[in-house]
């Protein structure tokens, strides 16, 4: 905003009424909903592939990668990460883009992962 003489003016903070915060008007900060990144089992990928993928995409140790690969193999799926929707979708997409397992002759592509909302 400009004054009539063309110079810029700044609002005087003393002229603004102060808002009082009362307990009844204070709100708790809202938490973003959480989502799980779930890796699904298949017969086209080796433990080595899963471990390397988890190390590269999630920064897991070899031992943690092995534990998750074992869980996927035994239970048919494993929760890899719980995070915000945007981050979960990014990680799912990175899994889908990781590429095929070169050790398995019939492997056509990457593993399958989904994003599911965490029940509150």
C-alpha atoms as a PDB file:
ATOM      1  CA  UNK A   1       0.000   0.000   0.000  1.00  0.00           C
ATOM      2  CA  UNK A   2       1.297   3.478  -0.869  1.00  0.00           C
ATOM      3  CA  UNK A   3       0.751   6.871   0.772  1.00  0.00           C
ATOM      4  CA  UNK A   4      -0.401   9.790  -1.352  1.00  0.00           C
ATOM      5  CA  UNK A   5       3.174  10.997  -1.731  1.00  0.00           C
ATOM      6  CA  UNK A   6       4.186   7.655  -3.303  1.00  0.00           C
ATOM      7  CA  UNK A   7       6.217   6.274  -0.406  1.00  0.00           C
ATOM      8  CA  UNK A   8       5.427   2.864   1.006  1.00  0.00           C
ATOM      9  CA  UNK A   9       3.676   2.713   4.329  1.00  0.00           C
ATOM     10  CA  UNK A  10       3.753   0.004   6.943  1.00  0.00           C
ATOM     11  CA  UNK A  11       0.780  -0.765   9.160  1.00  0.00           C
ATOM     12  CA  UNK A  12       1.289   0.333  12.719  1.00  0.00           C
ATOM     13  CA  UNK A  13       1.175  -2.778  14.904  1.00  0.00           C
ATOM     14  CA  UNK A  14      -0.101  -0.691  17.818  1.00  0.00           C
ATOM     15  CA  UNK A  15      -3.343  -0.038  15.938  1.00  0.00           C
ATOM     16  CA  UNK A  16      -4.214  -3.710  15.554  1.00  0.00           C
ATOM     17  CA  UNK A  17      -6.388  -5.237  18.257  1.00  0.00           C
ATOM     18  CA  UNK A  18      -4.712  -8.143  20.009  1.00  0.00           C
ATOM     19  CA  UNK A  19      -6.443 -11.479  19.939  1.00  0.00           C
ATOM     20  CA  UNK A  20      -6.529 -13.246  23.224  1.00  0.00           C
ATOM     21  CA  UNK A  21      -6.154 -16.961  23.174  1.00  0.00           C
ATOM     22  CA  UNK A  22      -8.453 -18.668  25.566  1.00  0.00           C
ATOM     23  CA  UNK A  23      -8.495 -22.310  26.449  1.00  0.00           C
ATOM     24  CA  UNK A  24     -11.791 -22.831  24.669  1.00  0.00           C
ATOM     25  CA  UNK A  25     -10.418 -21.431  21.405  1.00  0.00           C
ATOM     26  CA  UNK A  26      -7.099 -23.256  21.410  1.00  0.00           C
ATOM     27  CA  UNK A  27      -6.992 -26.255  19.149  1.00  0.00           C
ATOM     28  CA  UNK A  28      -4.641 -29.174  19.207  1.00  0.00           C
ATOM     29  CA  UNK A  29      -2.429 -29.330  16.137  1.00  0.00           C
ATOM     30  CA  UNK A  30      -3.929 -31.750  13.642  1.00  0.00           C
ATOM     31  CA  UNK A  31      -1.852 -34.787  12.779  1.00  0.00           C
ATOM     32  CA  UNK A  32      -1.741 -35.945   9.205  1.00  0.00           C
ATOM     33  CA  UNK A  33      -3.332 -39.349   8.649  1.00  0.00           C
ATOM     34  CA  UNK A  34      -0.835 -42.208   8.505  1.00  0.00           C
ATOM     35  CA  UNK A  35      -0.454 -44.789   5.742  1.00  0.00           C
ATOM     36  CA  UNK A  36       1.336 -48.132   5.522  1.00  0.00           C
ATOM     37  CA  UNK A  37       3.504 -49.133   2.584  1.00  0.00           C
ATOM     38  CA  UNK A  38       2.854 -52.850   2.159  1.00  0.00           C
ATOM     39  CA  UNK A  39       5.073 -55.183   0.125  1.00  0.00           C
ATOM     40  CA  UNK A  40       3.334 -58.274  -1.278  1.00  0.00           C
ATOM     41  CA  UNK A  41       4.893 -61.694  -1.837  1.00  0.00           C
ATOM     42  CA  UNK A  42       5.353 -63.321  -5.212  1.00  0.00           C
ATOM     43  CA  UNK A  43       7.359 -66.199  -6.652  1.00  0.00           C
ATOM     44  CA  UNK A  44       9.392 -64.054  -9.069  1.00  0.00           C
ATOM     45  CA  UNK A  45      11.838 -62.355  -6.684  1.00  0.00           C
ATOM     46  CA  UNK A  46      14.694 -63.663  -4.549  1.00  0.00           C
ATOM     47  CA  UNK A  47      15.564 -62.738  -0.987  1.00  0.00           C
ATOM     48  CA  UNK A  48      18.688 -61.039  -2.361  1.00  0.00           C
ATOM     49  CA  UNK A  49      16.558 -58.810  -4.622  1.00  0.00           C
ATOM     50  CA  UNK A  50      14.235 -57.824  -1.757  1.00  0.00           C
ATOM     51  CA  UNK A  51      17.118 -57.122   0.618  1.00  0.00           C
ATOM     52  CA  UNK A  52      18.985 -54.940  -1.885  1.00  0.00           C
ATOM     53  CA  UNK A  53      15.790 -53.077  -2.796  1.00  0.00           C
ATOM     54  CA  UNK A  54      14.985 -52.349   0.856  1.00  0.00           C
ATOM     55  CA  UNK A  55      18.543 -51.225   1.550  1.00  0.00           C
ATOM     56  CA  UNK A  56      18.570 -48.854  -1.437  1.00  0.00           C
ATOM     57  CA  UNK A  57      15.032 -47.460  -1.211  1.00  0.00           C
ATOM     58  CA  UNK A  58      14.486 -47.399   2.549  1.00  0.00           C
ATOM     59  CA  UNK A  59      18.003 -47.288   3.954  1.00  0.00           C
ATOM     60  CA  UNK A  60      17.464 -50.503   5.928  1.00  0.00           C
ATOM     61  CA  UNK A  61      20.384 -52.595   7.072  1.00  0.00           C
ATOM     62  CA  UNK A  62      21.012 -55.970   5.463  1.00  0.00           C
ATOM     63  CA  UNK A  63      19.693 -57.639   8.627  1.00  0.00           C
ATOM     64  CA  UNK A  64      16.455 -55.603   8.625  1.00  0.00           C
ATOM     65  CA  UNK A  65      16.046 -56.262   4.901  1.00  0.00           C
ATOM     66  CA  UNK A  66      16.375 -59.993   5.547  1.00  0.00           C
ATOM     67  CA  UNK A  67      13.800 -59.852   8.365  1.00  0.00           C
ATOM     68  CA  UNK A  68      11.288 -58.097   6.110  1.00  0.00           C
ATOM     69  CA  UNK A  69      11.983 -60.446   3.182  1.00  0.00           C
ATOM     70  CA  UNK A  70      11.375 -63.374   5.512  1.00  0.00           C
ATOM     71  CA  UNK A  71       8.111 -61.834   6.732  1.00  0.00           C
ATOM     72  CA  UNK A  72       6.910 -61.265   3.146  1.00  0.00           C
ATOM     73  CA  UNK A  73       7.771 -64.891   2.340  1.00  0.00           C
ATOM     74  CA  UNK A  74       6.055 -66.347   5.422  1.00  0.00           C
ATOM     75  CA  UNK A  75       3.026 -64.059   5.815  1.00  0.00           C
ATOM     76  CA  UNK A  76       2.512 -63.023   2.195  1.00  0.00           C
ATOM     77  CA  UNK A  77       3.079 -59.349   2.975  1.00  0.00           C
ATOM     78  CA  UNK A  78       4.988 -56.957   5.214  1.00  0.00           C
ATOM     79  CA  UNK A  79       4.527 -53.364   6.299  1.00  0.00           C
ATOM     80  CA  UNK A  80       7.691 -51.586   5.221  1.00  0.00           C
ATOM     81  CA  UNK A  81       6.950 -48.081   6.469  1.00  0.00           C
ATOM     82  CA  UNK A  82       4.209 -46.017   8.109  1.00  0.00           C
ATOM     83  CA  UNK A  83       4.217 -42.390   7.003  1.00  0.00           C
ATOM     84  CA  UNK A  84       2.218 -39.606   5.347  1.00  0.00           C
ATOM     85  CA  UNK A  85       0.228 -40.331   2.188  1.00  0.00           C
ATOM     86  CA  UNK A  86       2.579 -38.431  -0.119  1.00  0.00           C
ATOM     87  CA  UNK A  87       5.677 -40.186   1.231  1.00  0.00           C
ATOM     88  CA  UNK A  88       3.952 -43.606   1.171  1.00  0.00           C
ATOM     89  CA  UNK A  89       2.946 -43.119  -2.467  1.00  0.00           C
ATOM     90  CA  UNK A  90       6.508 -42.123  -3.355  1.00  0.00           C
ATOM     91  CA  UNK A  91       7.921 -45.275  -1.733  1.00  0.00           C
ATOM     92  CA  UNK A  92       5.296 -47.486  -3.430  1.00  0.00           C
ATOM     93  CA  UNK A  93       6.164 -45.941  -6.792  1.00  0.00           C
ATOM     94  CA  UNK A  94       9.890 -46.463  -6.168  1.00  0.00           C
ATOM     95  CA  UNK A  95       9.241 -50.159  -5.472  1.00  0.00           C
ATOM     96  CA  UNK A  96       7.231 -50.438  -8.702  1.00  0.00           C
ATOM     97  CA  UNK A  97      10.054 -48.785 -10.640  1.00  0.00           C
ATOM     98  CA  UNK A  98      12.904 -50.785  -9.088  1.00  0.00           C
ATOM     99  CA  UNK A  99      13.077 -53.234 -11.977  1.00  0.00           C
ATOM    100  CA  UNK A 100      13.129 -56.957 -12.429  1.00  0.00           C
ATOM    101  CA  UNK A 101      15.090 -59.539 -10.483  1.00  0.00           C
ATOM    102  CA  UNK A 102      17.933 -60.504 -12.846  1.00  0.00           C
ATOM    103  CA  UNK A 103      18.597 -63.742 -10.927  1.00  0.00           C
ATOM    104  CA  UNK A 104      15.158 -65.189 -11.789  1.00  0.00           C
ATOM    105  CA  UNK A 105      14.792 -66.138 -15.463  1.00  0.00           C
ATOM    106  CA  UNK A 106      11.025 -65.599 -15.685  1.00  0.00           C
ATOM    107  CA  UNK A 107      10.901 -62.370 -13.694  1.00  0.00           C
ATOM    108  CA  UNK A 108       8.913 -59.832 -15.659  1.00  0.00           C
ATOM    109  CA  UNK A 109       9.334 -56.765 -13.460  1.00  0.00           C
ATOM    110  CA  UNK A 110       9.324 -55.201 -10.025  1.00  0.00           C
ATOM    111  CA  UNK A 111       7.567 -56.364  -6.900  1.00  0.00           C
ATOM    112  CA  UNK A 112       4.072 -55.172  -5.999  1.00  0.00           C
ATOM    113  CA  UNK A 113       3.369 -52.750  -3.149  1.00  0.00           C
ATOM    114  CA  UNK A 114       0.264 -50.945  -1.973  1.00  0.00           C
ATOM    115  CA  UNK A 115      -0.570 -48.010   0.270  1.00  0.00           C
ATOM    116  CA  UNK A 116      -3.232 -48.509   2.933  1.00  0.00           C
ATOM    117  CA  UNK A 117      -4.599 -46.121   5.534  1.00  0.00           C
ATOM    118  CA  UNK A 118      -3.758 -46.913   9.149  1.00  0.00           C
ATOM    119  CA  UNK A 119      -6.824 -47.444  11.288  1.00  0.00           C
ATOM    120  CA  UNK A 120      -7.041 -44.773  13.955  1.00  0.00           C
END
